[in-house]
């Protein structure tokens, strides 16, 4: 009996060692002159596979969220990291950064931070596959905008991008989510707003794209408009509408779909 209990104890301890590991690190930004927290989820067996490198997915939270949302609010996030053997990097984009470089607020330079500062530091600290064929980015709501904005502007960094319930056109929302605090008032800075809207970006050749949005979401119209623009451009992409609204019940399902989508992209590039 004692031997059985001891064996079970060792098996449980082994499974604890091999389970997904959650790191919280602080990354310094020269552009913003501050540290930002980042949650990094490492897949099962990362510590033991000393010579193995892993694909990376960057996750951007929504307005008023933070770097903890994905692990806390997506119920099977860590299991998905284990299942697909990837490194998940959960970025903190501030309360309302919208993930671009604000022309009026020096402390909000999140395009530079993510694309030029965070990515190299993650590649240096962890055993990543540091190429665009194995680096992807996704986000929800404000983070969906951020993922698309960063990927279209930095195709040398991200090879695949996805957006769930993304605010992919900010111009129709001049008084919402403090966008004007980052870009100025729309009526005085329309050209700046249009320049920072995802729907107005140039879509680089070869970027792998997934868009999805709930049919009860207030961002449905702008997602349909972006989808139609990509259709008109004959730009390859995947687009999905599902029942659901702007909430974690919808995003939990999207998160599973995005892991699956990126896994196919990574396998194609192995």
Protein backbone atom coordinates (compact mmCIF):
# COMPACT_ATOMS: atom_id res chain seq x y z
CA UNK A 1 0.00 0.00 0.00
CA UNK A 2 2.81 2.41 0.91
CA UNK A 3 4.61 1.65 -2.37
CA UNK A 4 1.40 2.40 -4.31
CA UNK A 5 0.91 5.72 -2.54
CA UNK A 6 4.58 6.62 -3.11
CA UNK A 7 4.29 5.77 -6.82
CA UNK A 8 1.17 7.91 -7.17
CA UNK A 9 2.96 10.77 -5.40
CA UNK A 10 5.88 10.59 -7.85
CA UNK A 11 3.51 10.48 -10.83
CA UNK A 12 1.63 13.53 -9.55
CA UNK A 13 4.88 15.39 -8.99
CA UNK A 14 6.07 14.55 -12.49
CA UNK A 15 2.85 15.86 -14.01
CA UNK A 16 3.25 19.08 -12.02
CA UNK A 17 6.75 19.54 -13.39
CA UNK A 18 5.61 18.97 -16.98
CA UNK A 19 2.49 21.12 -16.83
CA UNK A 20 2.40 24.49 -18.60
CA UNK A 21 4.53 27.01 -16.75
CA UNK A 22 3.35 30.60 -16.33
CA UNK A 23 6.03 33.28 -16.06
CA UNK A 24 5.33 36.93 -15.29
CA UNK A 25 8.23 39.10 -16.38
CA UNK A 26 8.92 42.82 -16.59
CA UNK A 27 10.09 44.18 -19.94
CA UNK A 28 11.66 47.61 -20.20
CA UNK A 29 10.70 49.94 -23.05
CA UNK A 30 13.19 52.62 -24.05
CA UNK A 31 10.49 54.18 -26.21
CA UNK A 32 8.16 54.67 -23.24
CA UNK A 33 10.76 54.84 -20.46
CA UNK A 34 8.97 52.29 -18.30
CA UNK A 35 8.64 48.60 -17.46
CA UNK A 36 5.57 46.65 -18.60
CA UNK A 37 4.43 43.27 -17.23
CA UNK A 38 4.18 40.31 -19.61
CA UNK A 39 2.74 36.86 -18.96
CA UNK A 40 4.61 34.10 -20.77
CA UNK A 41 3.08 30.63 -20.83
CA UNK A 42 5.55 27.83 -21.63
CA UNK A 43 4.32 24.48 -22.92
CA UNK A 44 4.56 21.17 -21.13
CA UNK A 45 8.11 19.84 -21.17
CA UNK A 46 9.75 23.15 -22.11
CA UNK A 47 12.32 22.88 -19.32
CA UNK A 48 13.22 19.30 -20.23
CA UNK A 49 13.49 19.82 -24.01
CA UNK A 50 16.68 21.85 -23.74
CA UNK A 51 17.49 21.84 -27.45
CA UNK A 52 13.94 22.34 -28.75
CA UNK A 53 12.68 25.68 -30.03
CA UNK A 54 9.00 26.62 -30.10
CA UNK A 55 6.68 28.80 -32.22
CA UNK A 56 5.35 31.94 -30.51
CA UNK A 57 1.90 33.51 -30.41
CA UNK A 58 1.48 37.05 -29.06
CA UNK A 59 -1.88 37.80 -27.41
CA UNK A 60 -3.22 41.36 -27.06
CA UNK A 61 -5.98 42.13 -24.55
CA UNK A 62 -8.92 44.46 -25.04
CA UNK A 63 -9.71 47.95 -23.79
CA UNK A 64 -9.56 48.21 -19.97
CA UNK A 65 -7.93 44.76 -19.79
CA UNK A 66 -4.39 43.66 -18.96
CA UNK A 67 -1.78 40.96 -19.49
CA UNK A 68 -3.50 38.58 -17.06
CA UNK A 69 -6.80 38.30 -18.97
CA UNK A 70 -5.91 35.37 -21.22
CA UNK A 71 -4.79 33.01 -18.47
CA UNK A 72 -7.50 34.18 -16.07
CA UNK A 73 -10.52 34.42 -18.37
CA UNK A 74 -9.91 31.91 -21.17
CA UNK A 75 -10.70 28.62 -19.39
CA UNK A 76 -8.43 26.26 -21.34
CA UNK A 77 -5.65 28.66 -22.33
CA UNK A 78 -2.83 26.75 -20.64
CA UNK A 79 -4.10 23.43 -21.97
CA UNK A 80 -4.06 24.87 -25.49
CA UNK A 81 -0.45 25.99 -25.03
CA UNK A 82 0.37 22.41 -24.01
CA UNK A 83 -1.65 20.84 -26.80
CA UNK A 84 -0.07 22.86 -29.60
CA UNK A 85 3.42 23.12 -28.07
CA UNK A 86 3.78 26.89 -28.47
CA UNK A 87 4.99 29.75 -26.32
CA UNK A 88 2.18 32.23 -25.56
CA UNK A 89 3.19 35.82 -24.83
CA UNK A 90 0.40 37.86 -23.21
CA UNK A 91 1.20 41.53 -23.68
CA UNK A 92 0.08 44.37 -21.43
CA UNK A 93 -1.07 47.19 -23.71
CA UNK A 94 -2.16 49.58 -20.99
CA UNK A 95 -5.75 50.49 -20.26
CA UNK A 96 -6.44 52.18 -23.61
CA UNK A 97 -3.32 52.26 -25.79
CA UNK A 98 -4.85 50.77 -28.96
CA UNK A 99 -1.34 49.42 -29.60
CA UNK A 100 -0.12 52.24 -31.81
CA UNK A 101 2.43 54.99 -31.21
CA UNK A 102 0.43 57.95 -29.96
CA UNK A 103 1.45 61.17 -31.70
CA UNK A 104 0.34 63.20 -28.67
CA UNK A 105 1.29 61.04 -25.65
CA UNK A 106 4.96 59.96 -25.36
CA UNK A 107 4.13 57.32 -22.73
CA UNK A 108 1.97 55.44 -25.24
CA UNK A 109 4.37 54.10 -27.88
CA UNK A 110 3.03 50.58 -28.06
CA UNK A 111 3.73 49.88 -31.74
CA UNK A 112 7.42 50.46 -31.14
CA UNK A 113 7.32 48.60 -27.83
CA UNK A 114 5.74 45.41 -29.18
CA UNK A 115 7.41 45.23 -32.58
CA UNK A 116 10.89 46.56 -31.83
CA UNK A 117 11.47 45.96 -28.12
CA UNK A 118 9.33 43.12 -26.78
CA UNK A 119 9.78 40.62 -29.61
CA UNK A 120 13.61 40.70 -29.53
CA UNK A 121 13.64 40.37 -25.75
CA UNK A 122 11.32 37.35 -25.85
CA UNK A 123 13.49 35.74 -28.53
CA UNK A 124 16.56 36.36 -26.38
CA UNK A 125 15.07 35.06 -23.12
CA UNK A 126 13.18 32.00 -24.41
CA UNK A 127 13.86 29.23 -26.92
CA UNK A 128 11.70 30.55 -29.72
CA UNK A 129 11.68 29.83 -33.41
CA UNK A 130 12.62 33.40 -34.20
CA UNK A 131 11.29 33.78 -37.74
CA UNK A 132 8.05 34.99 -39.32
CA UNK A 133 7.05 31.44 -40.24
CA UNK A 134 6.75 30.63 -36.55
CA UNK A 135 5.63 33.95 -35.05
CA UNK A 136 1.96 35.01 -34.94
CA UNK A 137 -0.16 37.64 -33.21
CA UNK A 138 -3.81 37.85 -32.21
CA UNK A 139 -6.05 39.88 -29.95
CA UNK A 140 -9.58 40.72 -28.97
CA UNK A 141 -11.46 44.01 -29.38
CA UNK A 142 -8.82 46.75 -28.97
CA UNK A 143 -6.28 43.94 -29.17
CA UNK A 144 -7.82 42.69 -32.41
CA UNK A 145 -7.18 46.12 -33.85
CA UNK A 146 -3.68 46.03 -32.39
CA UNK A 147 -2.82 42.62 -33.82
CA UNK A 148 -3.95 43.57 -37.32
CA UNK A 149 -2.31 47.00 -37.12
CA UNK A 150 1.05 45.60 -36.03
CA UNK A 151 1.06 42.65 -38.44
CA UNK A 152 0.20 44.71 -41.50
CA UNK A 153 2.85 47.30 -40.66
CA UNK A 154 5.54 44.79 -39.66
CA UNK A 155 5.37 41.81 -42.05
CA UNK A 156 9.05 41.19 -41.35
CA UNK A 157 8.11 40.29 -37.76
CA UNK A 158 4.71 38.53 -37.90
CA UNK A 159 3.82 35.94 -40.52
CA UNK A 160 0.28 35.28 -39.35
CA UNK A 161 -2.37 37.38 -37.63
CA UNK A 162 -5.86 36.92 -36.26
CA UNK A 163 -8.47 39.19 -34.74
CA UNK A 164 -11.49 38.30 -32.61
CA UNK A 165 -14.17 41.01 -32.34
CA UNK A 166 -11.56 43.52 -33.45
CA UNK A 167 -12.10 47.27 -33.66
CA UNK A 168 -10.63 47.18 -37.16
CA UNK A 169 -11.94 50.64 -38.06
CA UNK A 170 -11.77 53.26 -35.32
CA UNK A 171 -13.14 56.20 -37.32
CA UNK A 172 -16.84 55.36 -36.69
CA UNK A 173 -16.21 55.59 -32.93
CA UNK A 174 -14.89 59.12 -32.27
CA UNK A 175 -16.07 59.31 -28.66
CA UNK A 176 -15.48 55.76 -27.47
CA UNK A 177 -12.73 54.05 -25.46
CA UNK A 178 -10.57 57.19 -25.22
CA UNK A 179 -9.17 56.83 -28.73
CA UNK A 180 -9.16 60.62 -28.89
CA UNK A 181 -6.86 60.60 -25.86
CA UNK A 182 -4.30 58.83 -28.04
CA UNK A 183 -4.91 60.54 -31.42
CA UNK A 184 -6.65 63.82 -30.60
CA UNK A 185 -10.24 64.67 -31.49
CA UNK A 186 -11.48 63.19 -34.75
CA UNK A 187 -12.87 66.46 -36.09
CA UNK A 188 -9.45 68.08 -35.68
CA UNK A 189 -7.31 65.08 -36.66
CA UNK A 190 -9.26 63.02 -39.21
CA UNK A 191 -6.18 62.27 -41.31
CA UNK A 192 -4.38 60.91 -38.23
CA UNK A 193 -7.35 58.71 -37.31
CA UNK A 194 -7.63 57.32 -40.81
CA UNK A 195 -3.90 56.65 -40.92
CA UNK A 196 -4.18 54.55 -37.73
CA UNK A 197 -7.27 52.53 -38.73
CA UNK A 198 -6.61 48.91 -39.68
CA UNK A 199 -9.01 49.05 -42.61
CA UNK A 200 -6.83 51.73 -44.25
CA UNK A 201 -3.53 49.87 -43.92
CA UNK A 202 -1.67 48.38 -46.87
CA UNK A 203 -1.91 44.60 -46.67
CA UNK A 204 1.51 43.09 -47.41
CA UNK A 205 1.84 40.11 -49.68
CA UNK A 206 1.89 36.75 -47.94
CA UNK A 207 0.38 37.64 -44.55
CA UNK A 208 -1.87 34.83 -43.24
CA UNK A 209 -5.08 36.35 -41.83
CA UNK A 210 -8.06 35.16 -39.77
CA UNK A 211 -10.92 37.48 -38.78
CA UNK A 212 -13.93 36.53 -36.68
CA UNK A 213 -16.75 38.43 -35.01
CA UNK A 214 -20.01 37.64 -33.23
CA UNK A 215 -23.26 38.51 -34.97
CA UNK A 216 -24.41 40.47 -31.90
CA UNK A 217 -21.16 42.44 -31.60
CA UNK A 218 -21.03 46.23 -32.05
CA UNK A 219 -17.88 45.72 -34.16
CA UNK A 220 -19.66 43.44 -36.63
CA UNK A 221 -20.13 46.19 -39.22
CA UNK A 222 -16.46 47.19 -39.36
CA UNK A 223 -15.38 43.55 -39.54
CA UNK A 224 -17.73 42.93 -42.45
CA UNK A 225 -16.34 46.03 -44.15
CA UNK A 226 -12.74 44.84 -43.75
CA UNK A 227 -13.68 41.37 -44.99
CA UNK A 228 -15.31 42.90 -48.08
CA UNK A 229 -12.25 45.07 -48.72
CA UNK A 230 -10.01 41.99 -48.63
CA UNK A 231 -12.41 40.15 -50.95
CA UNK A 232 -12.32 43.09 -53.38
CA UNK A 233 -8.52 43.06 -53.22
CA UNK A 234 -8.58 39.28 -53.79
CA UNK A 235 -6.45 39.02 -50.67
CA UNK A 236 -6.48 35.46 -49.21
CA UNK A 237 -7.91 35.32 -45.70
CA UNK A 238 -10.36 33.46 -43.50
CA UNK A 239 -13.45 35.19 -42.14
CA UNK A 240 -16.01 33.82 -39.70
CA UNK A 241 -19.20 35.09 -38.08
CA UNK A 242 -20.71 33.13 -35.21
CA UNK A 243 -23.55 33.64 -32.75
CA UNK A 244 -22.32 35.69 -29.83
CA UNK A 245 -21.50 39.12 -28.51
CA UNK A 246 -18.56 41.08 -27.15
CA UNK A 247 -17.71 38.86 -24.18
CA UNK A 248 -15.54 36.03 -22.92
CA UNK A 249 -18.16 33.42 -23.70
CA UNK A 250 -17.53 34.22 -27.36
CA UNK A 251 -13.77 34.84 -27.03
CA UNK A 252 -13.10 31.53 -25.27
CA UNK A 253 -14.27 29.70 -28.41
CA UNK A 254 -12.34 32.10 -30.65
CA UNK A 255 -9.18 31.45 -28.65
CA UNK A 256 -9.42 27.71 -29.39
CA UNK A 257 -9.99 28.45 -33.07
CA UNK A 258 -7.03 30.80 -33.23
CA UNK A 259 -4.66 28.26 -31.69
CA UNK A 260 -5.83 25.72 -34.30
CA UNK A 261 -5.42 28.25 -37.13
CA UNK A 262 -1.91 29.22 -36.08
CA UNK A 263 -0.89 25.60 -35.58
CA UNK A 264 -1.69 24.89 -39.23
CA UNK A 265 0.39 27.92 -40.22
CA UNK A 266 3.35 26.78 -38.10
CA UNK A 267 3.21 23.20 -39.41
CA UNK A 268 3.27 24.49 -42.98
CA UNK A 269 6.51 26.31 -42.20
CA UNK A 270 8.33 23.52 -40.37
